[in-house]
Amino acid sequence: MPQAHVAGLALNYDLSGPSDAPVVAFSHSLGATLGMWDGVVARLRERYRVLRYDIRGHGGSATRDGPVEIADLARDLTGLLDGLDIHRAHIVGLSLGGMMGQAFAATQPQRTLSLSLMATSAHLPSEASWNDRAAIVRTDGMAAIVKPTFERWFTAGFASRAPTILAKIREAFVACDPVGYAVACGAIGRMDLRPQLDRIMAPTLILAGRDDPSTPPAMAEVICAGIPQAELVVLPRAAHLLAVERPDVVASYLSGFLDRHAAG
């Protein structure tokens, strides 16, 4: 896959779909890669120009050790769009990607055609718990947190229904750079985007998994109440990585929303 250099880091990305179609930029979860979106974008790329990329420290993107804020990660997306000569885009993010999406839309309103936030939060305490998780992966590697992570990511029956998909997500998770993961944990622990929500002027779709213990629907309700043009959908039989567990349903809601706001 091609790479773009943003803020001195090489970011791995994939750009597909009709060259004259509106751009939809996807940002993934902590500990995942751009491949997390495979099941969703397969249903969109015939009508939209789809941009996916690995967040710094994930997948094929480079890592830099040191404190990073959600705003810095959002600026990575800005730099990637600049490098690809994309002036405006529909922004889609899940979990960490949704946090970045909020920061991007609040500071780049003129570039945000629409915003879709999935399984995410504007504030996710406590900082100490995120620091503890970062310390574990720095010391023991990503394999040390696979079990509790996947218990939050998927509902109980998903492993038996889709073992091949689960194995692919697990492989990417274990391969994630522990330093990149730990740095992102720090950014999440320090994050509080609630004061910025009313600056998001773009039409916004919020999807929450009813069975998500990491970012439950109550957190989505806070975001929805803070953004002037927001709508919230709670998906049944879905936990945190709802774009992987329910790609058909997610793609259906997302494509309907994008079609309504295709021109911005």
Protein backbone atom coordinates (compact mmCIF):
# COMPACT_ATOMS: atom_id res chain seq x y z
CA MET A 1 0.00 0.00 0.00
CA PRO A 2 1.18 3.56 -0.60
CA GLN A 3 2.43 5.80 2.18
CA ALA A 4 2.21 9.53 2.78
CA HIS A 5 4.60 11.51 4.99
CA VAL A 6 2.72 13.56 7.56
CA ALA A 7 4.34 15.38 10.50
CA GLY A 8 7.54 13.49 9.79
CA LEU A 9 5.81 10.09 9.94
CA ALA A 10 4.98 7.67 7.15
CA LEU A 11 1.26 6.84 7.17
CA ASN A 12 -0.02 3.76 5.37
CA TYR A 13 -3.21 4.39 3.38
CA ASP A 14 -5.57 2.94 0.80
CA LEU A 15 -7.62 5.03 -1.65
CA SER A 16 -10.19 3.35 -3.87
CA GLY A 17 -13.45 3.99 -5.69
CA PRO A 18 -14.47 6.41 -8.48
CA SER A 19 -12.04 9.30 -8.75
CA ASP A 20 -14.84 11.83 -9.24
CA ALA A 21 -16.99 10.64 -6.32
CA PRO A 22 -17.23 12.32 -2.88
CA VAL A 23 -14.45 11.21 -0.53
CA VAL A 24 -15.24 9.26 2.64
CA ALA A 25 -12.29 9.08 5.07
CA PHE A 26 -12.29 6.22 7.61
CA SER A 27 -10.31 6.16 10.89
CA HIS A 28 -10.13 2.93 12.86
CA SER A 29 -10.13 1.82 16.48
CA LEU A 30 -7.23 1.69 18.92
CA GLY A 31 -5.34 -1.55 18.27
CA ALA A 32 -6.84 -2.12 14.81
CA THR A 33 -5.81 -1.26 11.25
CA LEU A 34 -7.51 0.07 8.14
CA GLY A 35 -8.53 -3.54 7.42
CA MET A 36 -11.12 -3.20 10.18
CA TRP A 37 -13.34 -1.43 7.63
CA ASP A 38 -13.24 -4.15 4.93
CA GLY A 39 -16.81 -5.32 5.40
CA VAL A 40 -18.22 -1.79 5.35
CA VAL A 41 -16.28 -0.21 2.49
CA ALA A 42 -16.98 -3.15 0.19
CA ARG A 43 -20.57 -1.91 0.18
CA LEU A 44 -19.66 1.74 -0.45
CA ARG A 45 -16.76 1.96 -2.85
CA GLU A 46 -18.81 1.71 -6.02
CA ARG A 47 -20.37 5.11 -5.31
CA TYR A 48 -17.83 6.82 -3.04
CA ARG A 49 -14.10 7.51 -3.11
CA VAL A 50 -12.96 5.62 0.00
CA LEU A 51 -9.87 6.68 1.95
CA ARG A 52 -8.64 4.43 4.76
CA TYR A 53 -5.38 4.74 6.63
CA ASP A 54 -3.47 3.26 9.57
CA ILE A 55 -3.31 5.65 12.51
CA ARG A 56 0.25 6.39 13.55
CA GLY A 57 1.70 3.49 15.54
CA HIS A 58 -0.74 1.03 13.96
CA GLY A 59 -0.52 -1.33 11.00
CA GLY A 60 1.95 -0.06 8.41
CA SER A 61 2.23 3.47 9.82
CA ALA A 62 5.26 4.69 11.71
CA THR A 63 5.55 5.23 15.46
CA ARG A 64 7.07 8.03 17.49
CA ASP A 65 7.40 7.59 21.27
CA GLY A 66 6.30 10.64 23.25
CA PRO A 67 3.12 12.34 24.45
CA VAL A 68 0.46 12.81 21.78
CA GLU A 69 -3.00 14.36 22.04
CA ILE A 70 -6.17 13.52 20.12
CA ALA A 71 -5.73 16.89 18.35
CA ASP A 72 -2.35 15.71 17.04
CA LEU A 73 -3.89 12.55 15.62
CA ALA A 74 -6.64 14.62 14.01
CA ARG A 75 -3.97 16.81 12.43
CA ASP A 76 -2.47 13.64 10.92
CA LEU A 77 -5.72 13.20 9.02
CA THR A 78 -5.60 16.84 7.92
CA GLY A 79 -2.07 16.34 6.66
CA LEU A 80 -3.03 13.17 4.82
CA LEU A 81 -5.92 14.92 3.09
CA ASP A 82 -3.62 17.79 2.16
CA GLY A 83 -1.05 15.40 0.74
CA LEU A 84 -3.69 13.70 -1.39
CA ASP A 85 -5.15 17.05 -2.53
CA ILE A 86 -8.52 16.27 -0.93
CA HIS A 87 -10.16 19.50 0.14
CA ARG A 88 -13.38 18.19 1.72
CA ALA A 89 -14.50 14.77 2.92
CA HIS A 90 -17.10 12.84 4.81
CA ILE A 91 -15.37 11.76 8.04
CA VAL A 92 -16.07 8.36 9.60
CA GLY A 93 -14.43 7.11 12.79
CA LEU A 94 -14.88 4.29 15.27
CA SER A 95 -13.64 4.44 18.88
CA LEU A 96 -10.26 6.23 18.70
CA GLY A 97 -11.11 7.11 15.11
CA GLY A 98 -14.35 8.69 16.32
CA MET A 99 -12.48 10.75 18.89
CA MET A 100 -10.23 12.03 16.13
CA GLY A 101 -13.30 12.65 14.00
CA GLN A 102 -14.81 14.88 16.67
CA ALA A 103 -11.57 16.87 16.97
CA PHE A 104 -11.26 17.17 13.19
CA ALA A 105 -14.85 18.32 12.64
CA ALA A 106 -14.64 20.85 15.49
CA THR A 107 -11.49 22.48 14.10
CA GLN A 108 -11.98 21.90 10.34
CA PRO A 109 -15.68 22.65 9.77
CA GLN A 110 -15.12 23.86 6.23
CA ARG A 111 -13.55 20.53 5.28
CA THR A 112 -16.13 18.26 6.94
CA LEU A 113 -18.99 17.34 4.60
CA SER A 114 -20.50 15.10 7.26
CA LEU A 115 -19.39 13.23 10.37
CA SER A 116 -20.15 9.63 11.33
CA LEU A 117 -19.13 8.50 14.81
CA MET A 118 -19.27 4.88 15.91
CA ALA A 119 -18.73 3.28 19.32
CA THR A 120 -16.91 6.30 20.66
CA SER A 121 -16.91 8.91 23.41
CA ALA A 122 -16.00 12.55 24.00
CA HIS A 123 -14.51 11.71 27.40
CA LEU A 124 -13.30 8.31 28.62
CA PRO A 125 -11.88 8.31 32.14
CA SER A 126 -9.85 7.45 33.98
CA GLU A 127 -6.42 8.59 32.88
CA ALA A 128 -4.83 6.24 35.42
CA SER A 129 -6.54 3.20 33.87
CA TRP A 130 -5.23 4.12 30.41
CA ASN A 131 -1.74 4.64 31.81
CA ASP A 132 -1.94 1.21 33.43
CA ARG A 133 -2.93 -0.39 30.14
CA ALA A 134 -0.09 1.40 28.34
CA ALA A 135 2.39 0.13 30.94
CA ILE A 136 1.22 -3.46 30.46
CA VAL A 137 1.72 -3.46 26.70
CA ARG A 138 5.08 -1.72 26.97
CA THR A 139 6.26 -4.44 29.35
CA ASP A 140 4.47 -7.57 28.17
CA GLY A 141 3.38 -6.83 24.60
CA MET A 142 -0.01 -6.80 22.93
CA ALA A 143 -0.74 -10.48 23.59
CA ALA A 144 -1.09 -9.67 27.29
CA ILE A 145 -4.37 -7.79 26.72
CA VAL A 146 -5.97 -9.76 23.89
CA LYS A 147 -8.52 -11.63 26.02
CA PRO A 148 -10.04 -8.67 27.92
CA THR A 149 -9.97 -6.51 24.79
CA PHE A 150 -11.83 -8.98 22.62
CA GLU A 151 -14.40 -9.57 25.36
CA ARG A 152 -15.22 -5.85 25.07
CA TRP A 153 -14.96 -5.72 21.29
CA PHE A 154 -17.42 -8.50 20.37
CA THR A 155 -20.57 -10.11 21.66
CA ALA A 156 -20.29 -13.63 23.06
CA GLY A 157 -21.47 -15.47 19.96
CA PHE A 158 -19.34 -13.70 17.37
CA ALA A 159 -16.30 -15.99 17.66
CA SER A 160 -18.33 -19.04 16.68
CA ARG A 161 -20.19 -17.20 13.90
CA ALA A 162 -17.16 -15.64 12.22
CA PRO A 163 -13.92 -17.36 13.29
CA THR A 164 -11.99 -16.32 10.17
CA ILE A 165 -12.82 -12.63 10.60
CA LEU A 166 -12.02 -12.79 14.30
CA ALA A 167 -8.66 -14.43 13.59
CA LYS A 168 -7.75 -11.67 11.14
CA ILE A 169 -8.61 -8.92 13.65
CA ARG A 170 -6.69 -10.75 16.37
CA GLU A 171 -3.62 -11.08 14.15
CA ALA A 172 -3.62 -7.33 13.46
CA PHE A 173 -4.10 -6.55 17.14
CA VAL A 174 -1.20 -8.72 18.31
CA ALA A 175 1.01 -7.25 15.58
CA CYS A 176 0.27 -3.66 16.68
CA ASP A 177 3.35 -1.78 17.87
CA PRO A 178 3.13 -1.69 21.68
CA VAL A 179 4.72 1.77 21.71
CA GLY A 180 2.19 3.13 19.23
CA TYR A 181 -0.65 1.58 21.22
CA ALA A 182 0.67 2.94 24.51
CA VAL A 183 1.08 6.45 23.10
CA ALA A 184 -2.52 6.39 21.85
CA CYS A 185 -3.69 5.17 25.28
CA GLY A 186 -2.16 8.30 26.78
CA ALA A 187 -4.01 10.51 24.31
CA ILE A 188 -7.33 8.87 25.19
CA GLY A 189 -6.69 9.15 28.91
CA ARG A 190 -6.10 12.91 28.67
CA MET A 191 -8.97 13.55 26.25
CA ASP A 192 -11.99 15.71 26.98
CA LEU A 193 -13.76 16.77 23.79
CA ARG A 194 -17.04 17.75 25.46
CA PRO A 195 -16.32 21.52 25.32
CA GLN A 196 -15.80 21.24 21.54
CA LEU A 197 -19.00 19.41 20.62
CA ASP A 198 -21.09 22.51 19.95
CA ARG A 199 -18.47 23.66 17.41
CA ILE A 200 -19.26 20.66 15.19
CA MET A 201 -21.59 22.05 12.55
CA ALA A 202 -21.61 19.12 10.13
CA PRO A 203 -24.56 16.72 9.95
CA THR A 204 -23.59 13.89 12.28
CA LEU A 205 -24.60 10.24 12.50
CA ILE A 206 -23.81 8.42 15.74
CA LEU A 207 -23.92 4.62 15.92
CA ALA A 208 -23.65 2.85 19.28
CA GLY A 209 -23.68 -0.86 20.08
CA ARG A 210 -26.32 -1.76 22.63
CA ASP A 211 -23.95 -4.40 24.08
CA ASP A 212 -20.82 -2.23 24.07
CA PRO A 213 -19.17 -2.13 27.53
CA SER A 214 -16.35 0.19 26.40
CA THR A 215 -18.38 3.08 25.00
CA PRO A 216 -21.99 2.31 25.96
CA PRO A 217 -24.96 4.16 24.45
CA ALA A 218 -24.98 6.65 27.34
CA MET A 219 -21.68 8.04 26.04
CA ALA A 220 -23.16 8.36 22.57
CA GLU A 221 -26.11 10.25 24.04
CA VAL A 222 -23.72 12.84 25.50
CA ILE A 223 -22.19 13.39 22.06
CA CYS A 224 -25.59 13.54 20.39
CA ALA A 225 -26.84 16.14 22.88
CA GLY A 226 -23.77 18.31 22.30
CA ILE A 227 -23.69 18.40 18.49
CA PRO A 228 -26.36 20.63 16.92
CA GLN A 229 -27.14 18.38 13.91
CA ALA A 230 -26.73 14.89 15.35
CA GLU A 231 -28.82 11.75 15.15
CA LEU A 232 -28.25 8.59 17.20
CA VAL A 233 -28.89 4.95 16.30
CA VAL A 234 -28.35 2.14 18.83
CA LEU A 235 -27.64 -1.19 17.16
CA PRO A 236 -28.80 -4.42 18.81
CA ARG A 237 -26.51 -7.46 18.98
CA ALA A 238 -23.43 -5.29 18.61
CA ALA A 239 -20.54 -4.59 20.98
CA HIS A 240 -17.59 -2.23 20.50
CA LEU A 241 -16.19 -3.19 17.08
CA LEU A 242 -19.63 -2.94 15.51
CA ALA A 243 -18.26 -2.24 12.02
CA VAL A 244 -16.66 -5.69 12.11
CA GLU A 245 -19.47 -7.53 13.88
CA ARG A 246 -22.39 -5.94 11.95
CA PRO A 247 -20.86 -4.56 8.72
CA ASP A 248 -24.07 -5.01 6.73
CA VAL A 249 -26.16 -2.99 9.18
CA VAL A 250 -23.46 -0.35 9.66
CA ALA A 251 -23.04 0.02 5.89
CA SER A 252 -26.79 0.36 5.46
CA TYR A 253 -27.12 3.18 7.98
CA LEU A 254 -23.91 4.85 6.79
CA SER A 255 -24.75 4.73 3.09
CA GLY A 256 -28.23 6.13 3.71
CA PHE A 257 -26.75 8.97 5.75
CA LEU A 258 -24.03 9.69 3.19
CA ASP A 259 -26.53 9.68 0.34
CA ARG A 260 -28.60 12.32 2.14
CA HIS A 261 -25.55 14.53 2.63
CA ALA A 262 -23.46 13.58 -0.42
CA ALA A 263 -22.92 17.17 -1.53
CA GLY A 264 -22.24 18.53 1.93
